[in-house]
Amino acid sequence: MALDELYQEVLLDHYKQPRNKGVLAEPDIRLELKNPFCGDEILLTLKMAEGRVAEAAFEGHGCVISQASASVMTEKIKGLRVEEVAAIADQFTHLVREGKYERPEGEEFDEIEAFAGVCEFPTRVKCAMLAWRTLLQGLKEHGGREHLHDHHAHGAEGETPNRG
């Protein structure tokens, strides 16, 4: 199987069978971002415990890229400390903007790599980043400021927060 076929398969799998789809009861973090230019929406709910993401869930609608990104992200961040989440978000940002990614040591394939081709389509970067921006803004507002850089938490042009 060609690499681009594997990437497409991963994205479609996460879109058709999203992981962690739903809304957590009594979350510590609840934040929704919308991109009015393309219609993508993500509502992210997180439960935190001892500086870690204990549980993560999302609701939303939009394109394959935005929804698959949210699914992959919620799988990737469970159990991680805020600073680890910020590091993965940095890697994801570099991947979708520049096509650069350092695979974690010992892993043969990281599902985040399925988004490598996004950098070739600048209009789709916002789609891929929507869930991650929601995550980082929510963590920053929750009190993880010391581990998050200001440039992460700002929404992309056109993204509008909804805390309801």
N, C-alpha and C. Protein backbone atom coordinates (compact mmCIF):
# COMPACT_ATOMS: atom_id res chain seq x y z
N MET A 1 0.85 -1.18 0.00
CA MET A 1 0.00 0.00 0.00
C MET A 1 0.89 1.24 0.00
N ALA A 2 0.58 2.19 -0.87
CA ALA A 2 1.33 3.43 -0.95
C ALA A 2 1.06 4.26 0.31
N LEU A 3 2.03 5.10 0.66
CA LEU A 3 1.92 5.90 1.88
C LEU A 3 0.69 6.80 1.84
N ASP A 4 0.42 7.45 0.70
CA ASP A 4 -0.74 8.34 0.64
C ASP A 4 -2.04 7.56 0.76
N GLU A 5 -2.06 6.31 0.33
CA GLU A 5 -3.26 5.47 0.50
C GLU A 5 -3.46 5.12 1.98
N LEU A 6 -2.36 4.85 2.68
CA LEU A 6 -2.43 4.57 4.11
C LEU A 6 -2.97 5.79 4.85
N TYR A 7 -2.44 6.97 4.51
CA TYR A 7 -2.89 8.20 5.14
C TYR A 7 -4.38 8.41 4.90
N GLN A 8 -4.83 8.22 3.67
CA GLN A 8 -6.23 8.40 3.34
C GLN A 8 -7.09 7.40 4.11
N GLU A 9 -6.63 6.18 4.24
CA GLU A 9 -7.36 5.15 4.98
C GLU A 9 -7.51 5.53 6.44
N VAL A 10 -6.45 6.05 7.05
CA VAL A 10 -6.50 6.48 8.45
C VAL A 10 -7.51 7.62 8.63
N LEU A 11 -7.45 8.61 7.76
CA LEU A 11 -8.36 9.74 7.85
C LEU A 11 -9.81 9.30 7.70
N LEU A 12 -10.08 8.48 6.71
CA LEU A 12 -11.45 8.02 6.49
C LEU A 12 -11.96 7.15 7.64
N ASP A 13 -11.08 6.32 8.19
CA ASP A 13 -11.46 5.49 9.33
C ASP A 13 -11.88 6.35 10.52
N HIS A 14 -11.09 7.37 10.82
CA HIS A 14 -11.40 8.25 11.96
C HIS A 14 -12.63 9.10 11.68
N TYR A 15 -12.89 9.42 10.42
CA TYR A 15 -14.07 10.20 10.07
C TYR A 15 -15.34 9.34 10.18
N LYS A 16 -15.27 8.12 9.65
CA LYS A 16 -16.43 7.24 9.64
C LYS A 16 -16.71 6.59 10.99
N GLN A 17 -15.64 6.33 11.75
CA GLN A 17 -15.76 5.70 13.07
C GLN A 17 -14.95 6.51 14.08
N PRO A 18 -15.44 7.73 14.38
CA PRO A 18 -14.67 8.60 15.26
C PRO A 18 -14.51 8.03 16.66
N ARG A 19 -13.33 8.21 17.21
CA ARG A 19 -13.05 7.80 18.57
C ARG A 19 -13.45 8.95 19.50
N ASN A 20 -13.97 8.60 20.66
CA ASN A 20 -14.28 9.58 21.70
C ASN A 20 -15.33 10.60 21.27
N LYS A 21 -16.26 10.17 20.45
CA LYS A 21 -17.34 11.06 19.99
C LYS A 21 -18.37 11.15 21.11
N GLY A 22 -18.74 12.36 21.46
CA GLY A 22 -19.72 12.59 22.50
C GLY A 22 -19.35 13.79 23.35
N VAL A 23 -20.09 13.96 24.42
CA VAL A 23 -19.85 15.06 25.35
C VAL A 23 -19.72 14.45 26.74
N LEU A 24 -18.64 14.78 27.43
CA LEU A 24 -18.43 14.26 28.78
C LEU A 24 -19.36 14.96 29.77
N ALA A 25 -19.87 14.21 30.72
CA ALA A 25 -20.67 14.78 31.80
C ALA A 25 -19.74 15.52 32.76
N GLU A 26 -20.12 16.69 33.16
CA GLU A 26 -19.37 17.50 34.12
C GLU A 26 -17.89 17.63 33.77
N PRO A 27 -17.59 18.14 32.58
CA PRO A 27 -16.18 18.29 32.19
C PRO A 27 -15.52 19.45 32.93
N ASP A 28 -14.22 19.37 33.05
CA ASP A 28 -13.44 20.48 33.61
C ASP A 28 -13.24 21.56 32.55
N ILE A 29 -13.20 21.14 31.31
CA ILE A 29 -13.01 22.06 30.18
C ILE A 29 -14.09 21.76 29.16
N ARG A 30 -14.75 22.82 28.71
CA ARG A 30 -15.76 22.70 27.66
C ARG A 30 -15.59 23.93 26.79
N LEU A 31 -15.24 23.73 25.54
CA LEU A 31 -15.03 24.86 24.64
C LEU A 31 -15.39 24.43 23.23
N GLU A 32 -16.02 25.34 22.53
CA GLU A 32 -16.41 25.10 21.14
C GLU A 32 -15.80 26.18 20.27
N LEU A 33 -15.21 25.77 19.16
CA LEU A 33 -14.74 26.71 18.16
C LEU A 33 -15.42 26.39 16.85
N LYS A 34 -15.69 27.43 16.10
CA LYS A 34 -16.32 27.28 14.79
C LYS A 34 -15.49 28.05 13.77
N ASN A 35 -15.42 27.51 12.59
CA ASN A 35 -14.79 28.22 11.49
C ASN A 35 -15.90 28.59 10.52
N PRO A 36 -16.38 29.84 10.58
CA PRO A 36 -17.52 30.24 9.75
C PRO A 36 -17.22 30.22 8.25
N PHE A 37 -15.95 30.23 7.87
CA PHE A 37 -15.61 30.22 6.45
C PHE A 37 -15.91 28.88 5.79
N CYS A 38 -15.74 27.79 6.55
CA CYS A 38 -15.97 26.47 5.95
C CYS A 38 -17.09 25.70 6.65
N GLY A 39 -17.54 26.17 7.82
CA GLY A 39 -18.63 25.52 8.53
C GLY A 39 -18.20 24.46 9.52
N ASP A 40 -16.91 24.19 9.65
CA ASP A 40 -16.44 23.19 10.61
C ASP A 40 -16.71 23.68 12.04
N GLU A 41 -17.11 22.74 12.90
CA GLU A 41 -17.36 23.03 14.31
C GLU A 41 -16.82 21.90 15.16
N ILE A 42 -16.23 22.27 16.29
CA ILE A 42 -15.75 21.29 17.26
C ILE A 42 -16.15 21.75 18.65
N LEU A 43 -16.80 20.88 19.38
CA LEU A 43 -17.07 21.07 20.80
C LEU A 43 -16.21 20.04 21.51
N LEU A 44 -15.29 20.52 22.32
CA LEU A 44 -14.36 19.65 23.03
C LEU A 44 -14.68 19.68 24.51
N THR A 45 -14.77 18.50 25.13
CA THR A 45 -14.92 18.42 26.58
C THR A 45 -13.80 17.54 27.12
N LEU A 46 -13.21 18.01 28.23
CA LEU A 46 -12.09 17.30 28.85
C LEU A 46 -12.30 17.20 30.35
N LYS A 47 -11.86 16.09 30.89
CA LYS A 47 -11.75 15.95 32.34
C LYS A 47 -10.26 15.88 32.65
N MET A 48 -9.87 16.68 33.64
CA MET A 48 -8.47 16.76 34.02
C MET A 48 -8.28 16.12 35.39
N ALA A 49 -7.10 15.54 35.60
CA ALA A 49 -6.76 14.97 36.89
C ALA A 49 -5.26 15.08 37.09
N GLU A 50 -4.86 15.78 38.12
CA GLU A 50 -3.44 15.91 38.47
C GLU A 50 -2.60 16.40 37.30
N GLY A 51 -3.09 17.42 36.60
CA GLY A 51 -2.34 18.01 35.50
C GLY A 51 -2.32 17.20 34.23
N ARG A 52 -3.16 16.18 34.16
CA ARG A 52 -3.23 15.32 32.98
C ARG A 52 -4.63 15.35 32.37
N VAL A 53 -4.70 15.01 31.09
CA VAL A 53 -5.99 14.85 30.43
C VAL A 53 -6.47 13.45 30.77
N ALA A 54 -7.45 13.36 31.65
CA ALA A 54 -7.97 12.06 32.07
C ALA A 54 -8.93 11.48 31.04
N GLU A 55 -9.80 12.34 30.50
CA GLU A 55 -10.76 11.92 29.49
C GLU A 55 -10.92 13.04 28.47
N ALA A 56 -11.22 12.66 27.25
CA ALA A 56 -11.43 13.65 26.19
C ALA A 56 -12.53 13.15 25.27
N ALA A 57 -13.39 14.07 24.86
CA ALA A 57 -14.46 13.74 23.93
C ALA A 57 -14.75 14.96 23.07
N PHE A 58 -15.32 14.70 21.89
CA PHE A 58 -15.66 15.81 21.01
C PHE A 58 -16.98 15.54 20.30
N GLU A 59 -17.61 16.61 19.93
CA GLU A 59 -18.78 16.62 19.06
C GLU A 59 -18.47 17.62 17.98
N GLY A 60 -19.17 17.53 16.90
CA GLY A 60 -18.98 18.53 15.87
C GLY A 60 -19.37 18.01 14.52
N HIS A 61 -19.18 18.87 13.56
CA HIS A 61 -19.39 18.47 12.19
C HIS A 61 -18.46 19.27 11.30
N GLY A 62 -18.23 18.72 10.14
CA GLY A 62 -17.35 19.39 9.20
C GLY A 62 -16.75 18.38 8.25
N CYS A 63 -15.68 18.78 7.63
CA CYS A 63 -15.03 17.95 6.62
C CYS A 63 -14.29 16.77 7.25
N VAL A 64 -13.87 15.86 6.40
CA VAL A 64 -13.12 14.68 6.84
C VAL A 64 -11.90 15.10 7.65
N ILE A 65 -11.17 16.09 7.20
CA ILE A 65 -9.93 16.50 7.87
C ILE A 65 -10.21 17.02 9.28
N SER A 66 -11.19 17.89 9.44
CA SER A 66 -11.44 18.46 10.77
C SER A 66 -11.93 17.41 11.75
N GLN A 67 -12.81 16.53 11.31
CA GLN A 67 -13.37 15.53 12.20
C GLN A 67 -12.36 14.41 12.51
N ALA A 68 -11.60 14.00 11.51
CA ALA A 68 -10.56 12.99 11.75
C ALA A 68 -9.48 13.55 12.67
N SER A 69 -9.16 14.81 12.51
CA SER A 69 -8.16 15.45 13.37
C SER A 69 -8.62 15.43 14.82
N ALA A 70 -9.88 15.73 15.06
CA ALA A 70 -10.41 15.72 16.43
C ALA A 70 -10.37 14.31 17.01
N SER A 71 -10.71 13.32 16.20
CA SER A 71 -10.70 11.93 16.66
C SER A 71 -9.28 11.47 17.01
N VAL A 72 -8.34 11.72 16.12
CA VAL A 72 -6.94 11.35 16.37
C VAL A 72 -6.42 12.09 17.60
N MET A 73 -6.74 13.37 17.70
CA MET A 73 -6.25 14.17 18.81
C MET A 73 -6.75 13.63 20.15
N THR A 74 -8.04 13.32 20.25
CA THR A 74 -8.56 12.84 21.54
C THR A 74 -7.92 11.52 21.94
N GLU A 75 -7.60 10.69 20.97
CA GLU A 75 -6.91 9.43 21.27
C GLU A 75 -5.49 9.70 21.77
N LYS A 76 -4.83 10.63 21.11
CA LYS A 76 -3.41 10.89 21.36
C LYS A 76 -3.16 11.54 22.73
N ILE A 77 -4.09 12.37 23.21
CA ILE A 77 -3.82 13.18 24.39
C ILE A 77 -4.22 12.55 25.71
N LYS A 78 -4.99 11.49 25.68
CA LYS A 78 -5.47 10.88 26.94
C LYS A 78 -4.29 10.42 27.78
N GLY A 79 -4.31 10.83 29.03
CA GLY A 79 -3.28 10.43 29.98
C GLY A 79 -2.04 11.31 29.97
N LEU A 80 -1.99 12.27 29.04
CA LEU A 80 -0.80 13.11 28.94
C LEU A 80 -0.89 14.34 29.84
N ARG A 81 0.28 14.80 30.30
CA ARG A 81 0.37 16.05 31.04
C ARG A 81 0.21 17.22 30.07
N VAL A 82 -0.18 18.35 30.59
CA VAL A 82 -0.43 19.53 29.76
C VAL A 82 0.80 19.86 28.90
N GLU A 83 1.99 19.78 29.48
CA GLU A 83 3.19 20.11 28.70
C GLU A 83 3.43 19.09 27.58
N GLU A 84 3.05 17.85 27.78
CA GLU A 84 3.17 16.84 26.72
C GLU A 84 2.17 17.11 25.61
N VAL A 85 0.97 17.54 25.99
CA VAL A 85 -0.04 17.91 25.00
C VAL A 85 0.47 19.07 24.16
N ALA A 86 1.05 20.07 24.81
CA ALA A 86 1.59 21.23 24.09
C ALA A 86 2.68 20.82 23.11
N ALA A 87 3.52 19.87 23.50
CA ALA A 87 4.60 19.40 22.62
C ALA A 87 4.03 18.68 21.39
N ILE A 88 3.01 17.85 21.61
CA ILE A 88 2.39 17.15 20.48
C ILE A 88 1.68 18.15 19.57
N ALA A 89 1.03 19.13 20.16
CA ALA A 89 0.36 20.17 19.36
C ALA A 89 1.37 20.93 18.51
N ASP A 90 2.55 21.20 19.07
CA ASP A 90 3.62 21.85 18.29
C ASP A 90 4.01 20.97 17.10
N GLN A 91 4.19 19.69 17.36
CA GLN A 91 4.56 18.77 16.28
C GLN A 91 3.48 18.72 15.21
N PHE A 92 2.23 18.65 15.63
CA PHE A 92 1.12 18.60 14.68
C PHE A 92 1.07 19.87 13.84
N THR A 93 1.27 21.01 14.49
CA THR A 93 1.28 22.30 13.79
C THR A 93 2.36 22.32 12.72
N HIS A 94 3.57 21.89 13.07
CA HIS A 94 4.66 21.84 12.08
C HIS A 94 4.32 20.90 10.94
N LEU A 95 3.69 19.79 11.27
CA LEU A 95 3.33 18.82 10.24
C LEU A 95 2.35 19.41 9.23
N VAL A 96 1.25 20.00 9.71
CA VAL A 96 0.24 20.47 8.77
C VAL A 96 0.64 21.77 8.08
N ARG A 97 1.53 22.52 8.67
CA ARG A 97 1.96 23.77 8.02
C ARG A 97 3.20 23.59 7.15
N GLU A 98 4.10 22.69 7.57
CA GLU A 98 5.39 22.56 6.87
C GLU A 98 5.69 21.15 6.39
N GLY A 99 4.88 20.18 6.77
CA GLY A 99 5.13 18.79 6.37
C GLY A 99 6.23 18.11 7.16
N LYS A 100 6.64 18.71 8.30
CA LYS A 100 7.72 18.14 9.11
C LYS A 100 7.16 17.50 10.37
N TYR A 101 7.63 16.27 10.66
CA TYR A 101 7.17 15.57 11.86
C TYR A 101 8.23 14.60 12.32
N GLU A 102 8.47 14.60 13.63
CA GLU A 102 9.41 13.64 14.22
C GLU A 102 8.60 12.56 14.91
N ARG A 103 8.63 11.38 14.36
CA ARG A 103 7.89 10.24 14.91
C ARG A 103 8.46 9.88 16.28
N PRO A 104 7.57 9.59 17.24
CA PRO A 104 8.05 9.16 18.56
C PRO A 104 8.93 7.92 18.44
N GLU A 105 9.98 7.91 19.22
CA GLU A 105 10.93 6.79 19.18
C GLU A 105 10.23 5.47 19.45
N GLY A 106 10.55 4.48 18.64
CA GLY A 106 10.00 3.15 18.83
C GLY A 106 8.68 2.90 18.11
N GLU A 107 8.08 3.94 17.55
CA GLU A 107 6.81 3.76 16.83
C GLU A 107 7.08 3.60 15.34
N GLU A 108 6.39 2.65 14.72
CA GLU A 108 6.53 2.45 13.28
C GLU A 108 5.70 3.46 12.50
N PHE A 109 4.53 3.79 13.02
CA PHE A 109 3.64 4.73 12.36
C PHE A 109 2.82 5.44 13.42
N ASP A 110 2.70 6.72 13.29
CA ASP A 110 1.91 7.52 14.20
C ASP A 110 0.75 8.09 13.39
N GLU A 111 -0.48 7.90 13.86
CA GLU A 111 -1.64 8.34 13.07
C GLU A 111 -1.61 9.83 12.76
N ILE A 112 -0.91 10.60 13.55
CA ILE A 112 -0.78 12.03 13.26
C ILE A 112 -0.15 12.24 11.88
N GLU A 113 0.72 11.33 11.49
CA GLU A 113 1.39 11.44 10.19
C GLU A 113 0.42 11.41 9.02
N ALA A 114 -0.79 10.92 9.23
CA ALA A 114 -1.78 10.87 8.16
C ALA A 114 -2.15 12.27 7.67
N PHE A 115 -1.82 13.28 8.44
CA PHE A 115 -2.13 14.66 8.07
C PHE A 115 -0.98 15.35 7.34
N ALA A 116 0.03 14.60 6.97
CA ALA A 116 1.22 15.16 6.32
C ALA A 116 0.90 15.92 5.04
N GLY A 117 -0.06 15.45 4.27
CA GLY A 117 -0.38 16.09 3.00
C GLY A 117 -1.14 17.40 3.12
N VAL A 118 -1.62 17.72 4.31
CA VAL A 118 -2.40 18.94 4.49
C VAL A 118 -1.59 20.18 4.12
N CYS A 119 -0.29 20.15 4.37
CA CYS A 119 0.54 21.33 4.09
C CYS A 119 0.52 21.71 2.61
N GLU A 120 0.18 20.77 1.76
CA GLU A 120 0.10 21.06 0.33
C GLU A 120 -1.19 21.79 -0.05
N PHE A 121 -2.11 21.91 0.89
CA PHE A 121 -3.40 22.56 0.66
C PHE A 121 -3.64 23.59 1.77
N PRO A 122 -3.06 24.79 1.64
CA PRO A 122 -3.11 25.79 2.71
C PRO A 122 -4.52 26.08 3.23
N THR A 123 -5.54 25.98 2.40
CA THR A 123 -6.89 26.26 2.87
C THR A 123 -7.39 25.18 3.82
N ARG A 124 -6.76 24.01 3.83
CA ARG A 124 -7.19 22.91 4.70
C ARG A 124 -6.46 22.90 6.04
N VAL A 125 -5.43 23.73 6.19
CA VAL A 125 -4.68 23.79 7.45
C VAL A 125 -5.62 24.16 8.60
N LYS A 126 -6.50 25.13 8.37
CA LYS A 126 -7.44 25.54 9.42
C LYS A 126 -8.35 24.38 9.81
N CYS A 127 -8.72 23.57 8.84
CA CYS A 127 -9.58 22.40 9.13
C CYS A 127 -8.85 21.45 10.07
N ALA A 128 -7.60 21.15 9.76
CA ALA A 128 -6.82 20.22 10.57
C ALA A 128 -6.53 20.79 11.95
N MET A 129 -6.35 22.09 12.04
CA MET A 129 -5.95 22.73 13.30
C MET A 129 -7.11 23.06 14.23
N LEU A 130 -8.34 23.03 13.75
CA LEU A 130 -9.47 23.48 14.55
C LEU A 130 -9.57 22.76 15.90
N ALA A 131 -9.52 21.46 15.92
CA ALA A 131 -9.62 20.71 17.17
C ALA A 131 -8.43 21.02 18.09
N TRP A 132 -7.24 21.13 17.51
CA TRP A 132 -6.04 21.39 18.31
C TRP A 132 -6.08 22.79 18.91
N ARG A 133 -6.57 23.76 18.15
CA ARG A 133 -6.70 25.12 18.68
C ARG A 133 -7.73 25.16 19.81
N THR A 134 -8.81 24.40 19.64
CA THR A 134 -9.82 24.32 20.68
C THR A 134 -9.21 23.73 21.95
N LEU A 135 -8.46 22.66 21.78
CA LEU A 135 -7.78 22.01 22.90
C LEU A 135 -6.85 22.97 23.63
N LEU A 136 -5.98 23.62 22.90
CA LEU A 136 -4.98 24.49 23.52
C LEU A 136 -5.61 25.71 24.18
N GLN A 137 -6.63 26.27 23.54
CA GLN A 137 -7.31 27.41 24.15
C GLN A 137 -8.01 26.97 25.43
N GLY A 138 -8.66 25.82 25.41
CA GLY A 138 -9.33 25.30 26.60
C GLY A 138 -8.37 25.03 27.73
N LEU A 139 -7.22 24.43 27.42
CA LEU A 139 -6.21 24.16 28.45
C LEU A 139 -5.65 25.46 29.02
N LYS A 140 -5.43 26.42 28.16
CA LYS A 140 -4.89 27.70 28.61
C LYS A 140 -5.87 28.38 29.56
N GLU A 141 -7.14 28.39 29.18
CA GLU A 141 -8.15 29.02 30.02
C GLU A 141 -8.34 28.25 31.33
N HIS A 142 -8.08 26.96 31.31
CA HIS A 142 -8.24 26.12 32.50
C HIS A 142 -7.11 26.32 33.51
N GLY A 143 -6.00 26.89 33.07
CA GLY A 143 -4.92 27.13 34.01
C GLY A 143 -3.59 26.53 33.60
N GLY A 144 -3.49 26.03 32.41
CA GLY A 144 -2.23 25.46 31.94
C GLY A 144 -1.34 26.47 31.25
N ARG A 145 -1.53 27.75 31.57
CA ARG A 145 -0.81 28.83 30.89
C ARG A 145 0.70 28.67 30.90
N GLU A 146 1.23 28.15 32.01
CA GLU A 146 2.69 28.07 32.12
C GLU A 146 3.30 27.09 31.12
N HIS A 147 2.49 26.21 30.56
CA HIS A 147 3.01 25.22 29.62
C HIS A 147 2.63 25.50 28.18
N LEU A 148 1.81 26.52 27.98
CA LEU A 148 1.31 26.79 26.63
C LEU A 148 1.80 28.15 26.16
N HIS A 149 2.27 28.19 24.94
CA HIS A 149 2.71 29.44 24.34
C HIS A 149 1.50 30.19 23.83
N ASP A 150 1.55 31.51 23.93
CA ASP A 150 0.40 32.32 23.51
C ASP A 150 -0.02 32.07 22.07
N HIS A 151 0.92 31.81 21.19
CA HIS A 151 0.54 31.66 19.78
C HIS A 151 -0.31 30.42 19.53
N HIS A 152 -0.29 29.46 20.44
CA HIS A 152 -1.11 28.25 20.26
C HIS A 152 -2.58 28.51 20.53
N ALA A 153 -2.85 29.29 21.54
CA ALA A 153 -4.22 29.40 22.01
C ALA A 153 -5.07 30.35 21.18
N HIS A 154 -4.45 31.19 20.38
CA HIS A 154 -5.22 32.11 19.57
C HIS A 154 -5.87 31.36 18.43
N GLY A 155 -7.12 31.63 18.20
CA GLY A 155 -7.84 30.97 17.10
C GLY A 155 -7.31 31.46 15.76
N ALA A 156 -7.46 30.65 14.77
CA ALA A 156 -7.11 31.06 13.43
C ALA A 156 -8.10 32.12 12.99
N GLU A 157 -7.71 32.90 12.03
CA GLU A 157 -8.59 33.94 11.52
C GLU A 157 -9.94 33.32 11.18
N GLY A 158 -10.97 33.93 11.71
CA GLY A 158 -12.31 33.46 11.41
C GLY A 158 -12.87 32.49 12.42
N GLU A 159 -12.06 31.90 13.28
CA GLU A 159 -12.58 30.96 14.26
C GLU A 159 -13.21 31.75 15.39
N THR A 160 -14.35 31.31 15.82
CA THR A 160 -15.05 32.02 16.88
C THR A 160 -15.31 31.09 18.05
N PRO A 161 -14.95 31.52 19.26
CA PRO A 161 -15.18 30.66 20.42
C PRO A 161 -16.63 30.72 20.87
N ASN A 162 -17.09 29.62 21.42
CA ASN A 162 -18.41 29.53 22.02
C ASN A 162 -18.27 28.62 23.23
N ARG A 163 -18.37 29.19 24.39
CA ARG A 163 -18.15 28.43 25.61
C ARG A 163 -19.43 27.77 26.13
N GLY A 164 -20.56 28.01 25.49
CA GLY A 164 -21.84 27.48 25.90
C GLY A 164 -21.87 26.05 25.89
